[in-house]
Amino acid sequence: MTPQTLSFALSFDYGRLARLSRGVFVPVILNTGMVSAPIIEVRIDSRSSFCVFGRQWADALSLDWEAGDPLAISTAAGRFFAHLHQVTIQLLDFEWVAWVAFAEWDTMPPSPARDVLGLNGFFDHFLAAIDDRAEKLYLEPRFS
């Protein structure tokens, strides 16, 4: 095996966001070009096939939830329905366009951890490394 050195454009200390709920959380802003949602603290989840947000965020962006492509998502806790919409995601110094799923349920407190960045829409745009002991997330963009 040949050792490989990785370099990352940015590091982010996620400890402050993870104090109330175990996980890696980052602040994102969703926008459609016309409307922006407020900052959302989302969990990074490599087990999620999609970036998933509660339906209230589609409403905040003035999106017609039902006009998006329908999608059924299965999880360990059960199955739910969502609709895909294309939005711009802003995370720290990065901004990109992605298809995200807006779920049929809201994610208002006390369950903000249901808003997630997943494989499609996040991990397909970044090389990510997590140093959980130091509570740091390292990101290298892969926009191509």
N, C-alpha and C. Protein backbone atom coordinates (compact mmCIF):
# COMPACT_ATOMS: atom_id res chain seq x y z
N MET A 1 0.84 -1.17 0.00
CA MET A 1 0.00 0.00 0.00
C MET A 1 0.89 1.23 0.00
N THR A 2 0.59 2.16 -0.89
CA THR A 2 1.34 3.40 -0.99
C THR A 2 0.67 4.47 -0.13
N PRO A 3 1.42 5.09 0.79
CA PRO A 3 0.81 6.16 1.58
C PRO A 3 0.46 7.35 0.69
N GLN A 4 -0.61 8.01 1.04
CA GLN A 4 -1.07 9.16 0.29
C GLN A 4 -1.28 10.32 1.24
N THR A 5 -0.85 11.49 0.83
CA THR A 5 -1.06 12.68 1.63
C THR A 5 -2.25 13.43 1.06
N LEU A 6 -3.17 13.79 1.93
CA LEU A 6 -4.35 14.54 1.52
C LEU A 6 -4.21 15.98 1.99
N SER A 7 -4.71 16.88 1.18
CA SER A 7 -4.74 18.28 1.60
C SER A 7 -6.18 18.77 1.53
N PHE A 8 -6.50 19.69 2.40
CA PHE A 8 -7.86 20.19 2.50
C PHE A 8 -7.84 21.71 2.45
N ALA A 9 -8.82 22.27 1.75
CA ALA A 9 -8.91 23.72 1.58
C ALA A 9 -9.39 24.41 2.84
N LEU A 10 -10.13 23.69 3.67
CA LEU A 10 -10.77 24.35 4.81
C LEU A 10 -10.95 23.39 5.96
N SER A 11 -10.83 23.90 7.17
CA SER A 11 -11.20 23.12 8.35
C SER A 11 -12.25 23.91 9.11
N PHE A 12 -13.14 23.17 9.76
CA PHE A 12 -14.24 23.79 10.51
C PHE A 12 -14.37 23.10 11.84
N ASP A 13 -14.38 23.87 12.91
CA ASP A 13 -14.57 23.35 14.27
C ASP A 13 -16.07 23.21 14.51
N TYR A 14 -16.57 21.97 14.54
CA TYR A 14 -18.01 21.74 14.70
C TYR A 14 -18.43 21.50 16.14
N GLY A 15 -17.51 21.58 17.07
CA GLY A 15 -17.81 21.27 18.47
C GLY A 15 -18.95 22.08 19.06
N ARG A 16 -19.00 23.37 18.77
CA ARG A 16 -20.06 24.23 19.32
C ARG A 16 -21.43 23.74 18.89
N LEU A 17 -21.55 23.26 17.65
CA LEU A 17 -22.85 22.82 17.14
C LEU A 17 -23.22 21.42 17.62
N ALA A 18 -22.24 20.65 18.07
CA ALA A 18 -22.50 19.26 18.46
C ALA A 18 -22.73 19.09 19.95
N ARG A 19 -22.78 20.14 20.71
CA ARG A 19 -22.91 20.04 22.16
C ARG A 19 -24.26 19.47 22.60
N LEU A 20 -25.34 19.81 21.89
CA LEU A 20 -26.66 19.35 22.30
C LEU A 20 -27.05 18.00 21.70
N SER A 21 -26.44 17.63 20.60
CA SER A 21 -26.76 16.37 19.94
C SER A 21 -25.48 15.82 19.31
N ARG A 22 -25.17 14.58 19.58
CA ARG A 22 -23.95 13.96 19.07
C ARG A 22 -23.98 13.93 17.56
N GLY A 23 -22.92 14.37 16.91
CA GLY A 23 -22.83 14.33 15.47
C GLY A 23 -21.97 15.46 14.94
N VAL A 24 -21.79 15.46 13.63
CA VAL A 24 -21.03 16.50 12.95
C VAL A 24 -22.04 17.43 12.29
N PHE A 25 -22.13 18.66 12.79
CA PHE A 25 -23.09 19.64 12.30
C PHE A 25 -22.36 20.81 11.68
N VAL A 26 -22.93 21.35 10.61
CA VAL A 26 -22.39 22.53 9.94
C VAL A 26 -23.53 23.49 9.61
N PRO A 27 -23.23 24.79 9.51
CA PRO A 27 -24.26 25.75 9.14
C PRO A 27 -24.36 25.89 7.62
N VAL A 28 -25.55 25.78 7.08
CA VAL A 28 -25.76 25.97 5.65
C VAL A 28 -26.88 26.98 5.41
N ILE A 29 -26.84 27.58 4.25
CA ILE A 29 -27.92 28.43 3.78
C ILE A 29 -28.39 27.87 2.46
N LEU A 30 -29.69 27.67 2.32
CA LEU A 30 -30.28 27.23 1.06
C LEU A 30 -30.88 28.45 0.37
N ASN A 31 -30.72 28.51 -0.96
CA ASN A 31 -31.39 29.59 -1.68
C ASN A 31 -31.75 29.15 -3.08
N THR A 32 -32.69 29.85 -3.65
CA THR A 32 -33.18 29.54 -4.99
C THR A 32 -32.79 30.63 -5.99
N GLY A 33 -31.97 31.56 -5.56
CA GLY A 33 -31.63 32.69 -6.40
C GLY A 33 -32.53 33.87 -6.12
N MET A 34 -33.75 33.61 -5.75
CA MET A 34 -34.71 34.67 -5.43
C MET A 34 -34.93 34.78 -3.92
N VAL A 35 -34.91 33.64 -3.25
CA VAL A 35 -35.24 33.59 -1.82
C VAL A 35 -34.18 32.75 -1.11
N SER A 36 -33.78 33.18 0.10
CA SER A 36 -32.85 32.41 0.93
C SER A 36 -33.54 32.01 2.22
N ALA A 37 -33.21 30.83 2.69
CA ALA A 37 -33.68 30.38 4.01
C ALA A 37 -32.67 30.88 5.04
N PRO A 38 -33.06 30.95 6.30
CA PRO A 38 -32.08 31.33 7.33
C PRO A 38 -31.04 30.22 7.49
N ILE A 39 -30.01 30.48 8.27
CA ILE A 39 -28.97 29.47 8.50
C ILE A 39 -29.61 28.24 9.15
N ILE A 40 -29.28 27.07 8.60
CA ILE A 40 -29.78 25.80 9.12
C ILE A 40 -28.57 25.00 9.61
N GLU A 41 -28.63 24.50 10.82
CA GLU A 41 -27.56 23.64 11.33
C GLU A 41 -27.91 22.21 10.94
N VAL A 42 -27.12 21.64 10.03
CA VAL A 42 -27.43 20.31 9.48
C VAL A 42 -26.35 19.31 9.85
N ARG A 43 -26.77 18.08 9.93
CA ARG A 43 -25.87 16.97 10.25
C ARG A 43 -25.25 16.45 8.96
N ILE A 44 -23.97 16.15 8.98
CA ILE A 44 -23.33 15.48 7.86
C ILE A 44 -23.52 13.99 8.08
N ASP A 45 -24.10 13.31 7.09
CA ASP A 45 -24.49 11.91 7.27
C ASP A 45 -24.14 11.10 6.02
N SER A 46 -23.06 10.36 6.08
CA SER A 46 -22.63 9.54 4.93
C SER A 46 -23.53 8.34 4.71
N ARG A 47 -24.46 8.07 5.61
CA ARG A 47 -25.42 6.98 5.42
C ARG A 47 -26.64 7.43 4.64
N SER A 48 -26.82 8.74 4.50
CA SER A 48 -27.98 9.26 3.79
C SER A 48 -27.65 9.36 2.30
N SER A 49 -28.50 8.79 1.48
CA SER A 49 -28.28 8.85 0.03
C SER A 49 -28.45 10.26 -0.52
N PHE A 50 -29.27 11.07 0.14
CA PHE A 50 -29.58 12.41 -0.34
C PHE A 50 -29.38 13.44 0.75
N CYS A 51 -29.25 14.69 0.34
CA CYS A 51 -29.39 15.80 1.28
C CYS A 51 -30.89 15.91 1.53
N VAL A 52 -31.29 15.91 2.79
CA VAL A 52 -32.70 15.92 3.15
C VAL A 52 -32.97 17.07 4.12
N PHE A 53 -34.02 17.82 3.83
CA PHE A 53 -34.43 18.94 4.68
C PHE A 53 -35.92 18.83 4.94
N GLY A 54 -36.34 19.37 6.05
CA GLY A 54 -37.76 19.37 6.38
C GLY A 54 -38.56 20.22 5.40
N ARG A 55 -39.82 19.90 5.31
CA ARG A 55 -40.69 20.59 4.36
C ARG A 55 -40.77 22.10 4.61
N GLN A 56 -40.63 22.54 5.86
CA GLN A 56 -40.74 23.97 6.13
C GLN A 56 -39.68 24.77 5.40
N TRP A 57 -38.54 24.14 5.06
CA TRP A 57 -37.50 24.86 4.33
C TRP A 57 -37.91 25.07 2.87
N ALA A 58 -38.63 24.13 2.29
CA ALA A 58 -39.17 24.33 0.94
C ALA A 58 -40.17 25.49 0.97
N ASP A 59 -40.99 25.52 2.01
CA ASP A 59 -41.95 26.63 2.15
C ASP A 59 -41.21 27.96 2.32
N ALA A 60 -40.14 27.97 3.12
CA ALA A 60 -39.37 29.21 3.34
C ALA A 60 -38.73 29.71 2.04
N LEU A 61 -38.45 28.78 1.13
CA LEU A 61 -37.85 29.14 -0.16
C LEU A 61 -38.89 29.41 -1.24
N SER A 62 -40.15 29.40 -0.84
CA SER A 62 -41.28 29.62 -1.77
C SER A 62 -41.32 28.58 -2.88
N LEU A 63 -40.93 27.36 -2.57
CA LEU A 63 -40.99 26.26 -3.53
C LEU A 63 -42.34 25.57 -3.43
N ASP A 64 -42.87 25.14 -4.55
CA ASP A 64 -44.08 24.32 -4.56
C ASP A 64 -43.63 22.89 -4.29
N TRP A 65 -43.77 22.46 -3.03
CA TRP A 65 -43.24 21.16 -2.59
C TRP A 65 -43.68 20.04 -3.52
N GLU A 66 -44.95 19.98 -3.86
CA GLU A 66 -45.48 18.89 -4.69
C GLU A 66 -45.00 18.95 -6.13
N ALA A 67 -44.47 20.08 -6.59
CA ALA A 67 -43.99 20.20 -7.97
C ALA A 67 -42.64 19.51 -8.16
N GLY A 68 -41.94 19.20 -7.08
CA GLY A 68 -40.66 18.51 -7.19
C GLY A 68 -40.84 17.05 -7.54
N ASP A 69 -39.76 16.43 -8.01
CA ASP A 69 -39.80 15.00 -8.34
C ASP A 69 -40.05 14.19 -7.08
N PRO A 70 -41.09 13.33 -7.06
CA PRO A 70 -41.39 12.55 -5.86
C PRO A 70 -40.32 11.48 -5.62
N LEU A 71 -40.11 11.20 -4.35
CA LEU A 71 -39.07 10.26 -3.95
C LEU A 71 -39.49 9.58 -2.65
N ALA A 72 -39.33 8.26 -2.59
CA ALA A 72 -39.56 7.52 -1.35
C ALA A 72 -38.19 7.18 -0.77
N ILE A 73 -37.98 7.52 0.49
CA ILE A 73 -36.70 7.29 1.15
C ILE A 73 -36.91 6.30 2.30
N SER A 74 -36.09 5.25 2.29
CA SER A 74 -36.16 4.24 3.36
C SER A 74 -35.00 4.43 4.32
N THR A 75 -35.31 4.36 5.61
CA THR A 75 -34.30 4.49 6.66
C THR A 75 -34.46 3.33 7.64
N ALA A 76 -33.57 3.24 8.60
CA ALA A 76 -33.69 2.22 9.64
C ALA A 76 -34.94 2.45 10.47
N ALA A 77 -35.40 3.70 10.55
CA ALA A 77 -36.57 4.03 11.36
C ALA A 77 -37.88 3.94 10.57
N GLY A 78 -37.79 3.68 9.27
CA GLY A 78 -39.00 3.59 8.46
C GLY A 78 -38.84 4.29 7.13
N ARG A 79 -39.95 4.48 6.47
CA ARG A 79 -39.96 5.07 5.13
C ARG A 79 -40.73 6.39 5.16
N PHE A 80 -40.27 7.35 4.36
CA PHE A 80 -40.99 8.60 4.24
C PHE A 80 -40.90 9.09 2.80
N PHE A 81 -41.75 10.04 2.48
CA PHE A 81 -41.80 10.59 1.13
C PHE A 81 -41.23 11.99 1.12
N ALA A 82 -40.64 12.33 -0.02
CA ALA A 82 -40.02 13.65 -0.19
C ALA A 82 -40.19 14.05 -1.65
N HIS A 83 -39.81 15.29 -1.92
CA HIS A 83 -39.80 15.80 -3.29
C HIS A 83 -38.46 16.48 -3.53
N LEU A 84 -37.84 16.17 -4.68
CA LEU A 84 -36.55 16.74 -5.04
C LEU A 84 -36.71 18.11 -5.70
N HIS A 85 -35.88 19.03 -5.27
CA HIS A 85 -35.83 20.36 -5.87
C HIS A 85 -34.37 20.76 -6.00
N GLN A 86 -34.07 21.52 -7.02
CA GLN A 86 -32.71 22.02 -7.21
C GLN A 86 -32.57 23.37 -6.50
N VAL A 87 -31.56 23.46 -5.63
CA VAL A 87 -31.31 24.68 -4.87
C VAL A 87 -29.81 24.95 -4.84
N THR A 88 -29.45 26.12 -4.41
CA THR A 88 -28.05 26.45 -4.17
C THR A 88 -27.79 26.26 -2.68
N ILE A 89 -26.70 25.58 -2.38
CA ILE A 89 -26.30 25.35 -0.98
C ILE A 89 -25.05 26.19 -0.72
N GLN A 90 -25.08 26.93 0.36
CA GLN A 90 -23.90 27.69 0.79
C GLN A 90 -23.44 27.11 2.11
N LEU A 91 -22.20 26.66 2.13
CA LEU A 91 -21.57 26.10 3.33
C LEU A 91 -20.22 26.77 3.51
N LEU A 92 -20.10 27.56 4.55
CA LEU A 92 -18.87 28.27 4.85
C LEU A 92 -18.44 29.08 3.62
N ASP A 93 -17.27 28.80 3.04
CA ASP A 93 -16.78 29.56 1.88
C ASP A 93 -17.22 28.96 0.54
N PHE A 94 -18.03 27.91 0.56
CA PHE A 94 -18.38 27.19 -0.66
C PHE A 94 -19.86 27.38 -1.02
N GLU A 95 -20.13 27.34 -2.32
CA GLU A 95 -21.50 27.45 -2.80
C GLU A 95 -21.62 26.57 -4.04
N TRP A 96 -22.68 25.77 -4.11
CA TRP A 96 -22.90 24.90 -5.25
C TRP A 96 -24.38 24.62 -5.42
N VAL A 97 -24.74 24.15 -6.61
CA VAL A 97 -26.13 23.80 -6.92
C VAL A 97 -26.28 22.30 -6.78
N ALA A 98 -27.37 21.87 -6.14
CA ALA A 98 -27.59 20.44 -5.92
C ALA A 98 -29.09 20.14 -5.86
N TRP A 99 -29.42 18.91 -6.14
CA TRP A 99 -30.78 18.42 -5.95
C TRP A 99 -30.88 17.95 -4.51
N VAL A 100 -31.85 18.47 -3.78
CA VAL A 100 -32.06 18.07 -2.39
C VAL A 100 -33.49 17.60 -2.22
N ALA A 101 -33.69 16.73 -1.25
CA ALA A 101 -35.01 16.20 -0.95
C ALA A 101 -35.62 17.00 0.20
N PHE A 102 -36.83 17.47 -0.02
CA PHE A 102 -37.58 18.11 1.06
C PHE A 102 -38.62 17.09 1.53
N ALA A 103 -38.49 16.68 2.78
CA ALA A 103 -39.32 15.62 3.34
C ALA A 103 -40.75 16.08 3.55
N GLU A 104 -41.63 15.11 3.77
CA GLU A 104 -43.04 15.42 4.01
C GLU A 104 -43.27 15.99 5.40
N TRP A 105 -42.29 15.89 6.29
CA TRP A 105 -42.43 16.38 7.66
C TRP A 105 -41.57 17.62 7.87
N ASP A 106 -41.91 18.38 8.91
CA ASP A 106 -41.11 19.53 9.31
C ASP A 106 -39.99 19.08 10.24
N THR A 107 -38.93 19.87 10.31
CA THR A 107 -37.82 19.55 11.21
C THR A 107 -37.59 20.65 12.23
N MET A 108 -38.66 21.25 12.67
CA MET A 108 -38.53 22.28 13.70
C MET A 108 -38.07 21.62 14.99
N PRO A 109 -37.46 22.36 15.91
CA PRO A 109 -37.03 21.75 17.19
C PRO A 109 -38.18 20.98 17.82
N PRO A 110 -37.93 19.88 18.48
CA PRO A 110 -36.63 19.46 19.00
C PRO A 110 -35.88 18.44 18.14
N SER A 111 -36.11 18.36 16.83
CA SER A 111 -35.41 17.37 16.02
C SER A 111 -34.66 17.96 14.84
N PRO A 112 -33.76 18.94 15.08
CA PRO A 112 -33.06 19.53 13.95
C PRO A 112 -32.09 18.57 13.27
N ALA A 113 -31.73 17.47 13.93
CA ALA A 113 -30.79 16.52 13.36
C ALA A 113 -31.35 15.78 12.15
N ARG A 114 -32.63 15.96 11.83
CA ARG A 114 -33.21 15.30 10.66
C ARG A 114 -32.85 16.00 9.36
N ASP A 115 -32.36 17.25 9.43
CA ASP A 115 -31.84 17.94 8.25
C ASP A 115 -30.41 17.45 8.04
N VAL A 116 -30.13 16.84 6.87
CA VAL A 116 -28.82 16.22 6.66
C VAL A 116 -28.23 16.54 5.30
N LEU A 117 -26.90 16.54 5.25
CA LEU A 117 -26.16 16.57 3.99
C LEU A 117 -25.70 15.15 3.73
N GLY A 118 -26.08 14.58 2.58
CA GLY A 118 -25.79 13.19 2.29
C GLY A 118 -24.92 12.99 1.06
N LEU A 119 -24.95 11.75 0.56
CA LEU A 119 -24.08 11.37 -0.56
C LEU A 119 -24.34 12.19 -1.81
N ASN A 120 -25.61 12.24 -2.26
CA ASN A 120 -25.96 13.04 -3.42
C ASN A 120 -26.22 14.47 -2.97
N GLY A 121 -25.41 15.39 -3.44
CA GLY A 121 -25.58 16.79 -3.09
C GLY A 121 -24.50 17.33 -2.18
N PHE A 122 -23.82 16.45 -1.43
CA PHE A 122 -22.72 16.91 -0.58
C PHE A 122 -21.45 16.10 -0.82
N PHE A 123 -21.48 14.81 -0.51
CA PHE A 123 -20.27 14.01 -0.63
C PHE A 123 -19.83 13.85 -2.09
N ASP A 124 -20.72 14.05 -3.04
CA ASP A 124 -20.30 14.03 -4.44
C ASP A 124 -19.65 15.35 -4.85
N HIS A 125 -19.60 16.32 -3.94
CA HIS A 125 -18.96 17.61 -4.19
C HIS A 125 -17.73 17.87 -3.32
N PHE A 126 -17.51 17.02 -2.30
CA PHE A 126 -16.41 17.26 -1.37
C PHE A 126 -15.71 15.98 -0.96
N LEU A 127 -14.42 16.09 -0.77
CA LEU A 127 -13.66 15.11 -0.02
C LEU A 127 -13.73 15.61 1.41
N ALA A 128 -14.16 14.77 2.33
CA ALA A 128 -14.34 15.19 3.71
C ALA A 128 -13.60 14.25 4.65
N ALA A 129 -13.03 14.82 5.68
CA ALA A 129 -12.39 14.04 6.74
C ALA A 129 -12.85 14.61 8.07
N ILE A 130 -13.06 13.72 9.02
CA ILE A 130 -13.53 14.12 10.34
C ILE A 130 -12.51 13.69 11.39
N ASP A 131 -12.06 14.63 12.20
CA ASP A 131 -11.24 14.34 13.37
C ASP A 131 -12.15 14.57 14.56
N ASP A 132 -12.83 13.51 15.00
CA ASP A 132 -13.86 13.65 16.03
C ASP A 132 -13.26 14.04 17.38
N ARG A 133 -12.09 13.56 17.68
CA ARG A 133 -11.47 13.92 18.95
C ARG A 133 -11.24 15.43 19.03
N ALA A 134 -10.79 16.03 17.93
CA ALA A 134 -10.56 17.48 17.89
C ALA A 134 -11.81 18.26 17.48
N GLU A 135 -12.88 17.53 17.14
CA GLU A 135 -14.14 18.12 16.68
C GLU A 135 -13.92 19.04 15.48
N LYS A 136 -13.16 18.53 14.50
CA LYS A 136 -12.87 19.29 13.29
C LYS A 136 -13.30 18.51 12.05
N LEU A 137 -13.87 19.26 11.11
CA LEU A 137 -14.24 18.75 9.80
C LEU A 137 -13.31 19.39 8.79
N TYR A 138 -12.72 18.57 7.92
CA TYR A 138 -11.83 19.06 6.87
C TYR A 138 -12.53 18.84 5.53
N LEU A 139 -12.50 19.89 4.68
CA LEU A 139 -13.19 19.81 3.39
C LEU A 139 -12.27 20.21 2.25
N GLU A 140 -12.36 19.46 1.17
CA GLU A 140 -11.69 19.80 -0.08
C GLU A 140 -12.75 19.71 -1.18
N PRO A 141 -13.03 20.82 -1.86
CA PRO A 141 -14.08 20.79 -2.89
C PRO A 141 -13.68 19.91 -4.07
N ARG A 142 -14.66 19.27 -4.66
CA ARG A 142 -14.50 18.44 -5.85
C ARG A 142 -15.56 18.85 -6.85
N PHE A 143 -15.54 20.10 -7.23
CA PHE A 143 -16.50 20.62 -8.20
C PHE A 143 -15.94 20.40 -9.60
N SER A 144 -16.57 19.51 -10.35
CA SER A 144 -16.08 19.29 -11.71
C SER A 144 -17.23 19.04 -12.66
